[in-house]
Amino acid sequence: MLTGSVRLVNDESNSKAENALALHLIKIARLDGYLGRASDPPPGNTVMWRGLSRLTDIAPGAMVGGEFVGN
């Protein structure tokens, strides 16, 4: 089980009152390279699909890597 905190995308939120779902969707989109600038539209289906596929590729490696650290 992965017990530590793995940081794949920087957390730029300053207030806890932000919409948590929107925050996490942006984090997934940023795995694909979405920059989230003020002039950028919201991430579309293709960006979200690529971000989710990258996340599913990273997750097993992080779980396996977490088991070997410190032994």
C-alpha atoms as a PDB file:
ATOM      1  CA  MET A   1       0.000   0.000   0.000  1.00  0.00           C
ATOM      2  CA  LEU A   2       1.258   3.459  -0.883  1.00  0.00           C
ATOM      3  CA  THR A   3       1.512   5.440   2.345  1.00  0.00           C
ATOM      4  CA  GLY A   4       3.579   8.465   1.316  1.00  0.00           C
ATOM      5  CA  SER A   5       2.504  11.462  -0.686  1.00  0.00           C
ATOM      6  CA  VAL A   6       3.456  11.324  -4.365  1.00  0.00           C
ATOM      7  CA  ARG A   7       3.386  14.708  -6.076  1.00  0.00           C
ATOM      8  CA  LEU A   8       2.852  14.454  -9.833  1.00  0.00           C
ATOM      9  CA  VAL A   9       1.350  17.907 -10.365  1.00  0.00           C
ATOM     10  CA  ASN A  10       1.972  21.025  -8.288  1.00  0.00           C
ATOM     11  CA  ASP A  11      -0.932  22.144  -6.128  1.00  0.00           C
ATOM     12  CA  GLU A  12      -1.476  25.832  -6.857  1.00  0.00           C
ATOM     13  CA  SER A  13      -4.689  26.340  -4.914  1.00  0.00           C
ATOM     14  CA  ASN A  14      -4.519  28.725  -1.976  1.00  0.00           C
ATOM     15  CA  SER A  15      -8.056  28.465  -0.606  1.00  0.00           C
ATOM     16  CA  LYS A  16      -9.811  25.363   0.651  1.00  0.00           C
ATOM     17  CA  ALA A  17     -13.175  26.732  -0.529  1.00  0.00           C
ATOM     18  CA  GLU A  18     -12.416  26.028  -4.202  1.00  0.00           C
ATOM     19  CA  ASN A  19     -14.428  23.412  -6.003  1.00  0.00           C
ATOM     20  CA  ALA A  20     -12.510  20.209  -5.274  1.00  0.00           C
ATOM     21  CA  LEU A  21     -13.765  18.390  -8.381  1.00  0.00           C
ATOM     22  CA  ALA A  22     -12.658  21.162 -10.732  1.00  0.00           C
ATOM     23  CA  LEU A  23      -9.274  21.307  -9.003  1.00  0.00           C
ATOM     24  CA  HIS A  24      -8.654  17.594  -9.479  1.00  0.00           C
ATOM     25  CA  LEU A  25      -9.854  17.648 -13.085  1.00  0.00           C
ATOM     26  CA  ILE A  26      -7.301  20.361 -13.841  1.00  0.00           C
ATOM     27  CA  LYS A  27      -4.596  18.266 -12.148  1.00  0.00           C
ATOM     28  CA  ILE A  28      -5.442  15.299 -14.388  1.00  0.00           C
ATOM     29  CA  ALA A  29      -5.434  17.539 -17.467  1.00  0.00           C
ATOM     30  CA  ARG A  30      -2.021  18.916 -16.500  1.00  0.00           C
ATOM     31  CA  LEU A  31      -0.563  15.397 -16.709  1.00  0.00           C
ATOM     32  CA  ASP A  32      -1.126  15.709 -20.472  1.00  0.00           C
ATOM     33  CA  GLY A  33       0.440  19.157 -20.661  1.00  0.00           C
ATOM     34  CA  TYR A  34      -2.602  21.405 -20.181  1.00  0.00           C
ATOM     35  CA  LEU A  35      -1.254  24.738 -18.930  1.00  0.00           C
ATOM     36  CA  GLY A  36      -4.453  26.311 -17.597  1.00  0.00           C
ATOM     37  CA  ARG A  37      -3.589  29.881 -18.549  1.00  0.00           C
ATOM     38  CA  ALA A  38      -6.229  32.591 -18.216  1.00  0.00           C
ATOM     39  CA  SER A  39      -6.878  32.593 -21.987  1.00  0.00           C
ATOM     40  CA  ASP A  40      -7.063  28.771 -22.292  1.00  0.00           C
ATOM     41  CA  PRO A  41     -10.453  27.092 -22.613  1.00  0.00           C
ATOM     42  CA  PRO A  42     -11.352  24.322 -20.165  1.00  0.00           C
ATOM     43  CA  PRO A  43      -9.727  20.962 -20.954  1.00  0.00           C
ATOM     44  CA  GLY A  44     -11.631  18.855 -23.447  1.00  0.00           C
ATOM     45  CA  ASN A  45     -12.299  15.151 -23.733  1.00  0.00           C
ATOM     46  CA  THR A  46      -9.054  14.356 -25.541  1.00  0.00           C
ATOM     47  CA  VAL A  47      -6.892  16.122 -22.952  1.00  0.00           C
ATOM     48  CA  MET A  48      -8.726  14.424 -20.095  1.00  0.00           C
ATOM     49  CA  TRP A  49      -8.431  11.007 -21.793  1.00  0.00           C
ATOM     50  CA  ARG A  50      -4.677  11.410 -22.258  1.00  0.00           C
ATOM     51  CA  GLY A  51      -4.232  12.631 -18.680  1.00  0.00           C
ATOM     52  CA  LEU A  52      -6.183   9.681 -17.274  1.00  0.00           C
ATOM     53  CA  SER A  53      -4.215   7.214 -19.382  1.00  0.00           C
ATOM     54  CA  ARG A  54      -0.959   8.738 -18.140  1.00  0.00           C
ATOM     55  CA  LEU A  55      -2.241   8.522 -14.553  1.00  0.00           C
ATOM     56  CA  THR A  56      -3.094   4.836 -14.990  1.00  0.00           C
ATOM     57  CA  ASP A  57       0.446   4.277 -16.301  1.00  0.00           C
ATOM     58  CA  ILE A  58       2.022   6.078 -13.330  1.00  0.00           C
ATOM     59  CA  ALA A  59      -0.081   4.553 -10.521  1.00  0.00           C
ATOM     60  CA  PRO A  60       1.244   0.939 -10.620  1.00  0.00           C
ATOM     61  CA  GLY A  61       4.833   2.172 -10.767  1.00  0.00           C
ATOM     62  CA  ALA A  62       4.283   4.414  -7.758  1.00  0.00           C
ATOM     63  CA  MET A  63       2.738   1.551  -5.807  1.00  0.00           C
ATOM     64  CA  VAL A  64       5.582  -0.841  -6.619  1.00  0.00           C
ATOM     65  CA  GLY A  65       8.232   1.821  -5.992  1.00  0.00           C
ATOM     66  CA  GLY A  66       6.714   2.624  -2.609  1.00  0.00           C
ATOM     67  CA  GLU A  67       7.156  -0.964  -1.462  1.00  0.00           C
ATOM     68  CA  PHE A  68      10.890  -1.051  -2.174  1.00  0.00           C
ATOM     69  CA  VAL A  69      11.855   2.289  -0.633  1.00  0.00           C
ATOM     70  CA  GLY A  70      13.525   2.003   2.756  1.00  0.00           C
ATOM     71  CA  ASN A  71      14.166  -1.752   2.709  1.00  0.00           C
END
